[in-house]
Amino acid sequence: MTVYIDPPTWPGHGRMWSHLVSDESYDELHGFAARLGVPRRAFERDHYDLPSHRYADAVAAGAVEVRSREVVRLLLAAGLRRRKGSGSRLP
C-alpha cells in the first residue's frame, strides 16, 4: 500500500498543483490526506489536488515521488481511474 505524488507542474488558480493518488484504495488515499490535513474537498474523482507548498509535507509523510505519467498508469493498474464525467467527486 503506497500513496504517490507527482511534481507540482499543473497550473490553476494562480498556483501550481500536484496529484496525490493511491495504488490500493480510496480509503488509503483519504486516510493519508486526512493525516496531512488536506480537506476532502480537494479530492477530485480519483486523486487529491495538492498545492506546491504542500508537496514536501506529503513526501515527508511517506508519499512516493513519481512522474505525472506514472500517476495515470498506477490508477489504471489499480482499477481506481475515474475519467471526467464518470460520476461523483466523492466515492
C-alpha atoms as a PDB file:
ATOM      1  CA  MET A   1       0.000   0.000   0.000  1.00  0.00           C
ATOM      2  CA  THR A   2       1.563   3.205  -1.208  1.00  0.00           C
ATOM      3  CA  VAL A   3       0.498   6.764  -1.871  1.00  0.00           C
ATOM      4  CA  TYR A   4       2.168   8.583  -4.756  1.00  0.00           C
ATOM      5  CA  ILE A   5       2.618  12.224  -5.724  1.00  0.00           C
ATOM      6  CA  ASP A   6       3.662  13.822  -8.984  1.00  0.00           C
ATOM      7  CA  PRO A   7       5.623  17.087  -9.275  1.00  0.00           C
ATOM      8  CA  PRO A   8       3.690  20.335  -8.863  1.00  0.00           C
ATOM      9  CA  THR A   9       3.532  21.148 -12.575  1.00  0.00           C
ATOM     10  CA  TRP A  10      -0.219  21.653 -13.037  1.00  0.00           C
ATOM     11  CA  PRO A  11      -1.317  25.326 -13.071  1.00  0.00           C
ATOM     12  CA  GLY A  12      -4.606  26.506 -11.629  1.00  0.00           C
ATOM     13  CA  HIS A  13      -5.976  29.344  -9.551  1.00  0.00           C
ATOM     14  CA  GLY A  14      -2.638  31.161  -9.559  1.00  0.00           C
ATOM     15  CA  ARG A  15      -0.736  28.161  -8.129  1.00  0.00           C
ATOM     16  CA  MET A  16       0.994  25.004  -9.222  1.00  0.00           C
ATOM     17  CA  TRP A  17      -0.513  21.664  -8.181  1.00  0.00           C
ATOM     18  CA  SER A  18       0.428  18.015  -7.662  1.00  0.00           C
ATOM     19  CA  HIS A  19      -1.774  14.937  -7.767  1.00  0.00           C
ATOM     20  CA  LEU A  20      -1.860  12.588  -4.789  1.00  0.00           C
ATOM     21  CA  VAL A  21      -3.032   9.028  -5.570  1.00  0.00           C
ATOM     22  CA  SER A  22      -3.152   5.539  -4.075  1.00  0.00           C
ATOM     23  CA  ASP A  23      -2.351   2.258  -5.780  1.00  0.00           C
ATOM     24  CA  GLU A  24      -4.556   0.381  -3.293  1.00  0.00           C
ATOM     25  CA  SER A  25      -7.813   2.121  -2.405  1.00  0.00           C
ATOM     26  CA  TYR A  26      -9.625   5.395  -1.963  1.00  0.00           C
ATOM     27  CA  ASP A  27      -9.782   4.647   1.776  1.00  0.00           C
ATOM     28  CA  GLU A  28      -5.983   4.588   1.933  1.00  0.00           C
ATOM     29  CA  LEU A  29      -5.812   7.837  -0.033  1.00  0.00           C
ATOM     30  CA  HIS A  30      -8.434   9.589   2.108  1.00  0.00           C
ATOM     31  CA  GLY A  31      -6.670   8.458   5.291  1.00  0.00           C
ATOM     32  CA  PHE A  32      -3.316   9.741   4.088  1.00  0.00           C
ATOM     33  CA  ALA A  33      -4.824  13.063   3.041  1.00  0.00           C
ATOM     34  CA  ALA A  34      -6.612  13.418   6.384  1.00  0.00           C
ATOM     35  CA  ARG A  35      -3.350  12.829   8.271  1.00  0.00           C
ATOM     36  CA  LEU A  36      -1.814  15.658   6.205  1.00  0.00           C
ATOM     37  CA  GLY A  37      -4.759  17.913   6.983  1.00  0.00           C
ATOM     38  CA  VAL A  38      -5.845  18.079   3.336  1.00  0.00           C
ATOM     39  CA  PRO A  39      -9.563  18.903   3.125  1.00  0.00           C
ATOM     40  CA  ARG A  40     -11.839  16.325   1.491  1.00  0.00           C
ATOM     41  CA  ARG A  41     -12.995  18.979  -0.987  1.00  0.00           C
ATOM     42  CA  ALA A  42      -9.523  18.693  -2.607  1.00  0.00           C
ATOM     43  CA  PHE A  43     -10.460  15.190  -3.817  1.00  0.00           C
ATOM     44  CA  GLU A  44     -11.434  15.026  -7.473  1.00  0.00           C
ATOM     45  CA  ARG A  45     -12.673  11.723  -8.937  1.00  0.00           C
ATOM     46  CA  ASP A  46      -9.554   9.622  -8.232  1.00  0.00           C
ATOM     47  CA  HIS A  47      -6.927  11.940  -6.747  1.00  0.00           C
ATOM     48  CA  TYR A  48      -6.294  14.849  -4.427  1.00  0.00           C
ATOM     49  CA  ASP A  49      -5.052  18.137  -5.819  1.00  0.00           C
ATOM     50  CA  LEU A  50      -2.253  19.341  -3.583  1.00  0.00           C
ATOM     51  CA  PRO A  51      -0.727  22.843  -3.868  1.00  0.00           C
ATOM     52  CA  SER A  52       3.014  23.051  -4.447  1.00  0.00           C
ATOM     53  CA  HIS A  53       3.723  24.382  -0.952  1.00  0.00           C
ATOM     54  CA  ARG A  54       2.402  21.066   0.497  1.00  0.00           C
ATOM     55  CA  TYR A  55       4.491  18.812  -1.778  1.00  0.00           C
ATOM     56  CA  ALA A  56       7.371  18.403   0.701  1.00  0.00           C
ATOM     57  CA  ASP A  57       4.877  17.668   3.517  1.00  0.00           C
ATOM     58  CA  ALA A  58       3.393  14.792   1.505  1.00  0.00           C
ATOM     59  CA  VAL A  59       6.816  13.348   0.703  1.00  0.00           C
ATOM     60  CA  ALA A  60       7.918  13.651   4.331  1.00  0.00           C
ATOM     61  CA  ALA A  61       4.741  11.784   5.355  1.00  0.00           C
ATOM     62  CA  GLY A  62       5.638   8.911   3.025  1.00  0.00           C
ATOM     63  CA  ALA A  63       4.246   9.737  -0.419  1.00  0.00           C
ATOM     64  CA  VAL A  64       6.471   8.345  -3.168  1.00  0.00           C
ATOM     65  CA  GLU A  65       7.532  10.797  -5.852  1.00  0.00           C
ATOM     66  CA  VAL A  66       6.663   9.724  -9.410  1.00  0.00           C
ATOM     67  CA  ARG A  67       6.372  11.359 -12.825  1.00  0.00           C
ATOM     68  CA  SER A  68       2.957  12.627 -13.871  1.00  0.00           C
ATOM     69  CA  ARG A  69       2.543   9.862 -16.461  1.00  0.00           C
ATOM     70  CA  GLU A  70       3.123   7.296 -13.755  1.00  0.00           C
ATOM     71  CA  VAL A  71       0.128   8.609 -11.784  1.00  0.00           C
ATOM     72  CA  VAL A  72      -2.274   7.598 -14.560  1.00  0.00           C
ATOM     73  CA  ARG A  73      -0.589   4.219 -15.014  1.00  0.00           C
ATOM     74  CA  LEU A  74      -0.848   3.484 -11.286  1.00  0.00           C
ATOM     75  CA  LEU A  75      -4.531   4.437 -11.172  1.00  0.00           C
ATOM     76  CA  LEU A  76      -5.320   2.291 -14.210  1.00  0.00           C
ATOM     77  CA  ALA A  77      -3.414  -0.718 -12.841  1.00  0.00           C
ATOM     78  CA  ALA A  78      -5.244  -0.438  -9.513  1.00  0.00           C
ATOM     79  CA  GLY A  79      -8.635  -0.067 -11.189  1.00  0.00           C
ATOM     80  CA  LEU A  80      -9.082   3.309  -9.496  1.00  0.00           C
ATOM     81  CA  ARG A  81      -9.006   5.595 -12.549  1.00  0.00           C
ATOM     82  CA  ARG A  82     -12.139   7.702 -12.979  1.00  0.00           C
ATOM     83  CA  ARG A  83     -12.342   9.868 -16.053  1.00  0.00           C
ATOM     84  CA  LYS A  84     -14.127  13.222 -16.190  1.00  0.00           C
ATOM     85  CA  GLY A  85     -17.859  12.815 -16.402  1.00  0.00           C
ATOM     86  CA  SER A  86     -17.749   9.399 -14.712  1.00  0.00           C
ATOM     87  CA  GLY A  87     -19.848  10.397 -11.730  1.00  0.00           C
ATOM     88  CA  SER A  88     -19.483  11.651  -8.212  1.00  0.00           C
ATOM     89  CA  ARG A  89     -16.471  13.533  -6.938  1.00  0.00           C
ATOM     90  CA  LEU A  90     -16.587  11.585  -3.667  1.00  0.00           C
ATOM     91  CA  PRO A  91     -16.684   7.781  -3.643  1.00  0.00           C
END
